[in-house]
Amino acid sequence: MTADTYEVYAVRYAHHERRASENFYGSDPHDGPMPLDYFVWAIRGESRTLIFDTGFDVTSTYHSGARAQPENPEPMHTDA
């Protein structure tokens, strides 16, 4: 088995302005701005590129009550 070298990139695909009380169950006594950013990870090696998504898609965003707007709704893909 040989060790491959990879470059790892965090790709932000959405941003949601919200308050701390919206991020925690039961509110937050120190309420203030606490925006959320949403990322996927691009992992690029010599022979292949992988996209790693932690699983927060448009459907789960909608059902959670979040209103994150994708910055670039075009699908991401690689030729590798």
PDB file of N, CA and C in Angstrom:
ATOM      1  N   MET A   1       0.840  -1.176   0.000  1.00  0.00           N
ATOM      2  CA  MET A   1       0.000   0.000   0.000  1.00  0.00           C
ATOM      3  C   MET A   1       0.887   1.242   0.000  1.00  0.00           C
ATOM      4  N   THR A   2       0.629   2.161  -0.907  1.00  0.00           N
ATOM      5  CA  THR A   2       1.415   3.390  -0.965  1.00  0.00           C
ATOM      6  C   THR A   2       0.598   4.549  -0.414  1.00  0.00           C
ATOM      7  N   ALA A   3       1.288   5.495   0.153  1.00  0.00           N
ATOM      8  CA  ALA A   3       0.625   6.677   0.710  1.00  0.00           C
ATOM      9  C   ALA A   3       0.467   7.723  -0.386  1.00  0.00           C
ATOM     10  N   ASP A   4      -0.780   8.123  -0.644  1.00  0.00           N
ATOM     11  CA  ASP A   4      -1.046   9.201  -1.591  1.00  0.00           C
ATOM     12  C   ASP A   4      -1.043  10.525  -0.848  1.00  0.00           C
ATOM     13  N   THR A   5      -0.710  11.582  -1.570  1.00  0.00           N
ATOM     14  CA  THR A   5      -0.777  12.924  -1.011  1.00  0.00           C
ATOM     15  C   THR A   5      -2.032  13.597  -1.544  1.00  0.00           C
ATOM     16  N   TYR A   6      -2.789  14.196  -0.643  1.00  0.00           N
ATOM     17  CA  TYR A   6      -4.033  14.862  -1.026  1.00  0.00           C
ATOM     18  C   TYR A   6      -4.019  16.309  -0.559  1.00  0.00           C
ATOM     19  N   GLU A   7      -4.708  17.164  -1.319  1.00  0.00           N
ATOM     20  CA  GLU A   7      -4.996  18.530  -0.903  1.00  0.00           C
ATOM     21  C   GLU A   7      -6.460  18.540  -0.490  1.00  0.00           C
ATOM     22  N   VAL A   8      -6.785  19.196   0.619  1.00  0.00           N
ATOM     23  CA  VAL A   8      -8.151  19.227   1.120  1.00  0.00           C
ATOM     24  C   VAL A   8      -8.630  20.674   1.126  1.00  0.00           C
ATOM     25  N   TYR A   9      -9.793  20.901   0.525  1.00  0.00           N
ATOM     26  CA  TYR A   9     -10.364  22.230   0.430  1.00  0.00           C
ATOM     27  C   TYR A   9     -11.744  22.244   1.078  1.00  0.00           C
ATOM     28  N   ALA A  10     -12.030  23.255   1.862  1.00  0.00           N
ATOM     29  CA  ALA A  10     -13.375  23.486   2.386  1.00  0.00           C
ATOM     30  C   ALA A  10     -14.079  24.412   1.401  1.00  0.00           C
ATOM     31  N   VAL A  11     -15.232  23.970   0.890  1.00  0.00           N
ATOM     32  CA  VAL A  11     -15.981  24.747  -0.091  1.00  0.00           C
ATOM     33  C   VAL A  11     -17.296  25.186   0.549  1.00  0.00           C
ATOM     34  N   ARG A  12     -17.420  26.471   0.810  1.00  0.00           N
ATOM     35  CA  ARG A  12     -18.649  26.985   1.423  1.00  0.00           C
ATOM     36  C   ARG A  12     -19.715  27.121   0.345  1.00  0.00           C
ATOM     37  N   TYR A  13     -20.871  26.490   0.569  1.00  0.00           N
ATOM     38  CA  TYR A  13     -21.937  26.566  -0.427  1.00  0.00           C
ATOM     39  C   TYR A  13     -23.158  27.346   0.063  1.00  0.00           C
ATOM     40  N   ALA A  14     -23.194  27.726   1.335  1.00  0.00           N
ATOM     41  CA  ALA A  14     -24.332  28.521   1.825  1.00  0.00           C
ATOM     42  C   ALA A  14     -23.950  29.236   3.115  1.00  0.00           C
ATOM     43  N   HIS A  15     -24.684  30.299   3.408  1.00  0.00           N
ATOM     44  CA  HIS A  15     -24.501  31.088   4.622  1.00  0.00           C
ATOM     45  C   HIS A  15     -25.883  31.448   5.135  1.00  0.00           C
ATOM     46  N   HIS A  16     -26.078  31.361   6.437  1.00  0.00           N
ATOM     47  CA  HIS A  16     -27.373  31.665   7.024  1.00  0.00           C
ATOM     48  C   HIS A  16     -27.190  32.606   8.206  1.00  0.00           C
ATOM     49  N   GLU A  17     -27.677  33.832   8.058  1.00  0.00           N
ATOM     50  CA  GLU A  17     -27.637  34.800   9.159  1.00  0.00           C
ATOM     51  C   GLU A  17     -28.702  34.412  10.173  1.00  0.00           C
ATOM     52  N   ARG A  18     -28.311  34.243  11.416  1.00  0.00           N
ATOM     53  CA  ARG A  18     -29.263  33.890  12.466  1.00  0.00           C
ATOM     54  C   ARG A  18     -28.702  34.286  13.819  1.00  0.00           C
ATOM     55  N   ARG A  19     -29.510  34.107  14.859  1.00  0.00           N
ATOM     56  CA  ARG A  19     -29.118  34.465  16.220  1.00  0.00           C
ATOM     57  C   ARG A  19     -28.778  33.203  17.001  1.00  0.00           C
ATOM     58  N   ALA A  20     -28.012  33.353  18.068  1.00  0.00           N
ATOM     59  CA  ALA A  20     -27.604  32.219  18.899  1.00  0.00           C
ATOM     60  C   ALA A  20     -28.816  31.450  19.419  1.00  0.00           C
ATOM     61  N   SER A  21     -29.883  32.151  19.777  1.00  0.00           N
ATOM     62  CA  SER A  21     -31.080  31.488  20.308  1.00  0.00           C
ATOM     63  C   SER A  21     -31.712  30.548  19.290  1.00  0.00           C
ATOM     64  N   GLU A  22     -31.430  30.736  17.998  1.00  0.00           N
ATOM     65  CA  GLU A  22     -31.958  29.851  16.959  1.00  0.00           C
ATOM     66  C   GLU A  22     -31.085  28.610  16.766  1.00  0.00           C
ATOM     67  N   ASN A  23     -29.888  28.608  17.331  1.00  0.00           N
ATOM     68  CA  ASN A  23     -28.957  27.493  17.146  1.00  0.00           C
ATOM     69  C   ASN A  23     -29.016  26.464  18.262  1.00  0.00           C
ATOM     70  N   PHE A  24     -29.677  26.770  19.372  1.00  0.00           N
ATOM     71  CA  PHE A  24     -29.673  25.886  20.528  1.00  0.00           C
ATOM     72  C   PHE A  24     -31.092  25.610  21.001  1.00  0.00           C
ATOM     73  N   TYR A  25     -31.342  24.385  21.414  1.00  0.00           N
ATOM     74  CA  TYR A  25     -32.628  24.058  22.019  1.00  0.00           C
ATOM     75  C   TYR A  25     -32.726  24.764  23.363  1.00  0.00           C
ATOM     76  N   GLY A  26     -33.887  25.321  23.647  1.00  0.00           N
ATOM     77  CA  GLY A  26     -34.071  25.990  24.930  1.00  0.00           C
ATOM     78  C   GLY A  26     -33.518  27.399  24.964  1.00  0.00           C
ATOM     79  N   SER A  27     -33.216  27.957  23.781  1.00  0.00           N
ATOM     80  CA  SER A  27     -32.732  29.331  23.677  1.00  0.00           C
ATOM     81  C   SER A  27     -31.291  29.457  24.162  1.00  0.00           C
ATOM     82  N   ASP A  28     -30.833  30.697  24.317  1.00  0.00           N
ATOM     83  CA  ASP A  28     -29.480  30.995  24.784  1.00  0.00           C
ATOM     84  C   ASP A  28     -29.529  32.335  25.511  1.00  0.00           C
ATOM     85  N   PRO A  29     -29.147  32.366  26.790  1.00  0.00           N
ATOM     86  CA  PRO A  29     -29.215  33.627  27.540  1.00  0.00           C
ATOM     87  C   PRO A  29     -28.243  34.687  27.010  1.00  0.00           C
ATOM     88  N   HIS A  30     -27.271  34.294  26.227  1.00  0.00           N
ATOM     89  CA  HIS A  30     -26.302  35.235  25.659  1.00  0.00           C
ATOM     90  C   HIS A  30     -26.616  35.467  24.188  1.00  0.00           C
ATOM     91  N   ASP A  31     -27.878  35.686  23.891  1.00  0.00           N
ATOM     92  CA  ASP A  31     -28.318  35.784  22.501  1.00  0.00           C
ATOM     93  C   ASP A  31     -27.605  36.917  21.776  1.00  0.00           C
ATOM     94  N   GLY A  32     -27.203  36.633  20.560  1.00  0.00           N
ATOM     95  CA  GLY A  32     -26.548  37.602  19.696  1.00  0.00           C
ATOM     96  C   GLY A  32     -26.332  36.970  18.343  1.00  0.00           C
ATOM     97  N   PRO A  33     -25.724  37.676  17.427  1.00  0.00           N
ATOM     98  CA  PRO A  33     -25.495  37.117  16.100  1.00  0.00           C
ATOM     99  C   PRO A  33     -24.643  35.841  16.160  1.00  0.00           C
ATOM    100  N   MET A  34     -25.086  34.795  15.478  1.00  0.00           N
ATOM    101  CA  MET A  34     -24.339  33.542  15.401  1.00  0.00           C
ATOM    102  C   MET A  34     -24.687  32.868  14.065  1.00  0.00           C
ATOM    103  N   PRO A  35     -24.163  33.415  12.970  1.00  0.00           N
ATOM    104  CA  PRO A  35     -24.494  32.855  11.661  1.00  0.00           C
ATOM    105  C   PRO A  35     -23.892  31.457  11.476  1.00  0.00           C
ATOM    106  N   LEU A  36     -24.467  30.718  10.537  1.00  0.00           N
ATOM    107  CA  LEU A  36     -23.970  29.390  10.186  1.00  0.00           C
ATOM    108  C   LEU A  36     -23.490  29.391   8.740  1.00  0.00           C
ATOM    109  N   ASP A  37     -22.407  28.696   8.497  1.00  0.00           N
ATOM    110  CA  ASP A  37     -21.926  28.451   7.143  1.00  0.00           C
ATOM    111  C   ASP A  37     -22.020  26.960   6.875  1.00  0.00           C
ATOM    112  N   TYR A  38     -22.262  26.600   5.639  1.00  0.00           N
ATOM    113  CA  TYR A  38     -22.404  25.200   5.235  1.00  0.00           C
ATOM    114  C   TYR A  38     -21.299  24.866   4.242  1.00  0.00           C
ATOM    115  N   PHE A  39     -20.637  23.726   4.447  1.00  0.00           N
ATOM    116  CA  PHE A  39     -19.478  23.353   3.649  1.00  0.00           C
ATOM    117  C   PHE A  39     -19.580  21.934   3.110  1.00  0.00           C
ATOM    118  N   VAL A  40     -18.902  21.707   1.998  1.00  0.00           N
ATOM    119  CA  VAL A  40     -18.523  20.372   1.552  1.00  0.00           C
ATOM    120  C   VAL A  40     -17.003  20.403   1.460  1.00  0.00           C
ATOM    121  N   TRP A  41     -16.395  19.236   1.403  1.00  0.00           N
ATOM    122  CA  TRP A  41     -14.939  19.140   1.353  1.00  0.00           C
ATOM    123  C   TRP A  41     -14.529  18.546   0.015  1.00  0.00           C
ATOM    124  N   ALA A  42     -13.616  19.212  -0.675  1.00  0.00           N
ATOM    125  CA  ALA A  42     -13.021  18.688  -1.909  1.00  0.00           C
ATOM    126  C   ALA A  42     -11.658  18.114  -1.535  1.00  0.00           C
ATOM    127  N   ILE A  43     -11.468  16.855  -1.844  1.00  0.00           N
ATOM    128  CA  ILE A  43     -10.228  16.158  -1.500  1.00  0.00           C
ATOM    129  C   ILE A  43      -9.576  15.741  -2.813  1.00  0.00           C
ATOM    130  N   ARG A  44      -8.469  16.395  -3.152  1.00  0.00           N
ATOM    131  CA  ARG A  44      -7.846  16.196  -4.470  1.00  0.00           C
ATOM    132  C   ARG A  44      -6.508  15.491  -4.343  1.00  0.00           C
ATOM    133  N   GLY A  45      -6.402  14.387  -5.062  1.00  0.00           N
ATOM    134  CA  GLY A  45      -5.153  13.647  -5.112  1.00  0.00           C
ATOM    135  C   GLY A  45      -4.647  13.565  -6.532  1.00  0.00           C
ATOM    136  N   GLU A  46      -3.536  12.891  -6.725  1.00  0.00           N
ATOM    137  CA  GLU A  46      -2.943  12.776  -8.055  1.00  0.00           C
ATOM    138  C   GLU A  46      -3.851  12.013  -9.018  1.00  0.00           C
ATOM    139  N   SER A  47      -4.497  10.969  -8.525  1.00  0.00           N
ATOM    140  CA  SER A  47      -5.278  10.115  -9.417  1.00  0.00           C
ATOM    141  C   SER A  47      -6.789  10.267  -9.287  1.00  0.00           C
ATOM    142  N   ARG A  48      -7.252  11.002  -8.272  1.00  0.00           N
ATOM    143  CA  ARG A  48      -8.690  11.159  -8.117  1.00  0.00           C
ATOM    144  C   ARG A  48      -9.032  12.360  -7.255  1.00  0.00           C
ATOM    145  N   THR A  49     -10.282  12.806  -7.402  1.00  0.00           N
ATOM    146  CA  THR A  49     -10.816  13.888  -6.586  1.00  0.00           C
ATOM    147  C   THR A  49     -12.114  13.399  -5.969  1.00  0.00           C
ATOM    148  N   LEU A  50     -12.278  13.653  -4.675  1.00  0.00           N
ATOM    149  CA  LEU A  50     -13.470  13.236  -3.948  1.00  0.00           C
ATOM    150  C   LEU A  50     -14.176  14.467  -3.404  1.00  0.00           C
ATOM    151  N   ILE A  51     -15.496  14.419  -3.374  1.00  0.00           N
ATOM    152  CA  ILE A  51     -16.290  15.450  -2.714  1.00  0.00           C
ATOM    153  C   ILE A  51     -16.940  14.791  -1.510  1.00  0.00           C
ATOM    154  N   PHE A  52     -16.689  15.327  -0.325  1.00  0.00           N
ATOM    155  CA  PHE A  52     -17.216  14.776   0.917  1.00  0.00           C
ATOM    156  C   PHE A  52     -18.264  15.733   1.455  1.00  0.00           C
ATOM    157  N   ASP A  53     -19.483  15.241   1.592  1.00  0.00           N
ATOM    158  CA  ASP A  53     -20.600  16.044   2.072  1.00  0.00           C
ATOM    159  C   ASP A  53     -21.071  15.458   3.394  1.00  0.00           C
ATOM    160  N   THR A  54     -21.241  16.311   4.400  1.00  0.00           N
ATOM    161  CA  THR A  54     -21.664  15.823   5.709  1.00  0.00           C
ATOM    162  C   THR A  54     -23.157  15.526   5.775  1.00  0.00           C
ATOM    163  N   GLY A  55     -23.897  15.802   4.710  1.00  0.00           N
ATOM    164  CA  GLY A  55     -25.272  15.338   4.622  1.00  0.00           C
ATOM    165  C   GLY A  55     -26.376  16.323   4.916  1.00  0.00           C
ATOM    166  N   PHE A  56     -26.128  17.611   4.939  1.00  0.00           N
ATOM    167  CA  PHE A  56     -27.187  18.583   5.175  1.00  0.00           C
ATOM    168  C   PHE A  56     -27.641  19.114   3.831  1.00  0.00           C
ATOM    169  N   ASP A  57     -28.612  18.413   3.222  1.00  0.00           N
ATOM    170  CA  ASP A  57     -29.063  18.778   1.883  1.00  0.00           C
ATOM    171  C   ASP A  57     -30.233  19.759   1.929  1.00  0.00           C
ATOM    172  N   VAL A  58     -30.750  20.129   0.751  1.00  0.00           N
ATOM    173  CA  VAL A  58     -31.831  21.112   0.664  1.00  0.00           C
ATOM    174  C   VAL A  58     -33.062  20.636   1.428  1.00  0.00           C
ATOM    175  N   THR A  59     -33.398  19.347   1.323  1.00  0.00           N
ATOM    176  CA  THR A  59     -34.580  18.814   2.007  1.00  0.00           C
ATOM    177  C   THR A  59     -34.440  18.916   3.520  1.00  0.00           C
ATOM    178  N   SER A  60     -33.298  18.501   4.072  1.00  0.00           N
ATOM    179  CA  SER A  60     -33.130  18.574   5.520  1.00  0.00           C
ATOM    180  C   SER A  60     -33.020  20.025   5.979  1.00  0.00           C
ATOM    181  N   THR A  61     -32.503  20.905   5.144  1.00  0.00           N
ATOM    182  CA  THR A  61     -32.468  22.329   5.466  1.00  0.00           C
ATOM    183  C   THR A  61     -33.891  22.850   5.618  1.00  0.00           C
ATOM    184  N   TYR A  62     -34.741  22.499   4.664  1.00  0.00           N
ATOM    185  CA  TYR A  62     -36.137  22.946   4.695  1.00  0.00           C
ATOM    186  C   TYR A  62     -36.849  22.413   5.939  1.00  0.00           C
ATOM    187  N   HIS A  63     -36.708  21.118   6.236  1.00  0.00           N
ATOM    188  CA  HIS A  63     -37.404  20.503   7.363  1.00  0.00           C
ATOM    189  C   HIS A  63     -36.886  21.002   8.713  1.00  0.00           C
ATOM    190  N   SER A  64     -35.647  21.487   8.759  1.00  0.00           N
ATOM    191  CA  SER A  64     -35.107  21.997  10.022  1.00  0.00           C
ATOM    192  C   SER A  64     -35.579  23.421  10.309  1.00  0.00           C
ATOM    193  N   GLY A  65     -36.184  24.054   9.305  1.00  0.00           N
ATOM    194  CA  GLY A  65     -36.622  25.432   9.471  1.00  0.00           C
ATOM    195  C   GLY A  65     -35.552  26.432   9.090  1.00  0.00           C
ATOM    196  N   ALA A  66     -34.382  25.964   8.690  1.00  0.00           N
ATOM    197  CA  ALA A  66     -33.292  26.855   8.276  1.00  0.00           C
ATOM    198  C   ALA A  66     -33.639  27.483   6.933  1.00  0.00           C
ATOM    199  N   ARG A  67     -33.052  28.591   6.665  1.00  0.00           N
ATOM    200  CA  ARG A  67     -33.296  29.270   5.397  1.00  0.00           C
ATOM    201  C   ARG A  67     -31.976  29.604   4.697  1.00  0.00           C
ATOM    202  N   ALA A  68     -31.059  28.661   4.688  1.00  0.00           N
ATOM    203  CA  ALA A  68     -29.768  28.876   4.032  1.00  0.00           C
ATOM    204  C   ALA A  68     -29.973  28.944   2.531  1.00  0.00           C
ATOM    205  N   GLN A  69     -29.290  29.865   1.899  1.00  0.00           N
ATOM    206  CA  GLN A  69     -29.382  30.017   0.456  1.00  0.00           C
ATOM    207  C   GLN A  69     -28.074  29.583  -0.182  1.00  0.00           C
ATOM    208  N   PRO A  70     -28.114  28.604  -1.094  1.00  0.00           N
ATOM    209  CA  PRO A  70     -26.875  28.190  -1.759  1.00  0.00           C
ATOM    210  C   PRO A  70     -26.239  29.364  -2.494  1.00  0.00           C
ATOM    211  N   GLU A  71     -24.931  29.476  -2.386  1.00  0.00           N
ATOM    212  CA  GLU A  71     -24.220  30.531  -3.100  1.00  0.00           C
ATOM    213  C   GLU A  71     -24.050  30.186  -4.565  1.00  0.00           C
ATOM    214  N   ASN A  72     -23.938  28.899  -4.861  1.00  0.00           N
ATOM    215  CA  ASN A  72     -23.783  28.443  -6.238  1.00  0.00           C
ATOM    216  C   ASN A  72     -24.554  27.133  -6.379  1.00  0.00           C
ATOM    217  N   PRO A  73     -25.776  27.196  -6.891  1.00  0.00           N
ATOM    218  CA  PRO A  73     -26.605  25.987  -6.936  1.00  0.00           C
ATOM    219  C   PRO A  73     -26.214  24.994  -8.018  1.00  0.00           C
ATOM    220  N   GLU A  74     -25.191  25.282  -8.807  1.00  0.00           N
ATOM    221  CA  GLU A  74     -24.760  24.347  -9.836  1.00  0.00           C
ATOM    222  C   GLU A  74     -24.165  23.103  -9.196  1.00  0.00           C
ATOM    223  N   PRO A  75     -24.460  21.928  -9.742  1.00  0.00           N
ATOM    224  CA  PRO A  75     -23.870  20.709  -9.183  1.00  0.00           C
ATOM    225  C   PRO A  75     -22.353  20.716  -9.319  1.00  0.00           C
ATOM    226  N   MET A  76     -21.672  20.158  -8.318  1.00  0.00           N
ATOM    227  CA  MET A  76     -20.226  20.051  -8.366  1.00  0.00           C
ATOM    228  C   MET A  76     -19.860  18.629  -8.793  1.00  0.00           C
ATOM    229  N   HIS A  77     -18.908  18.515  -9.684  1.00  0.00           N
ATOM    230  CA  HIS A  77     -18.480  17.193 -10.121  1.00  0.00           C
ATOM    231  C   HIS A  77     -17.043  17.281 -10.588  1.00  0.00           C
ATOM    232  N   THR A  78     -16.457  16.130 -10.826  1.00  0.00           N
ATOM    233  CA  THR A  78     -15.065  16.059 -11.272  1.00  0.00           C
ATOM    234  C   THR A  78     -14.948  15.084 -12.425  1.00  0.00           C
ATOM    235  N   ASP A  79     -13.946  15.265 -13.227  1.00  0.00           N
ATOM    236  CA  ASP A  79     -13.689  14.356 -14.343  1.00  0.00           C
ATOM    237  C   ASP A  79     -12.933  13.112 -13.915  1.00  0.00           C
ATOM    238  N   ALA A  80     -12.423  13.114 -12.685  1.00  0.00           N
ATOM    239  CA  ALA A  80     -11.602  11.985 -12.218  1.00  0.00           C
ATOM    240  C   ALA A  80     -12.436  10.763 -11.970  1.00  0.00           C
TER     241      ALA A  80
END
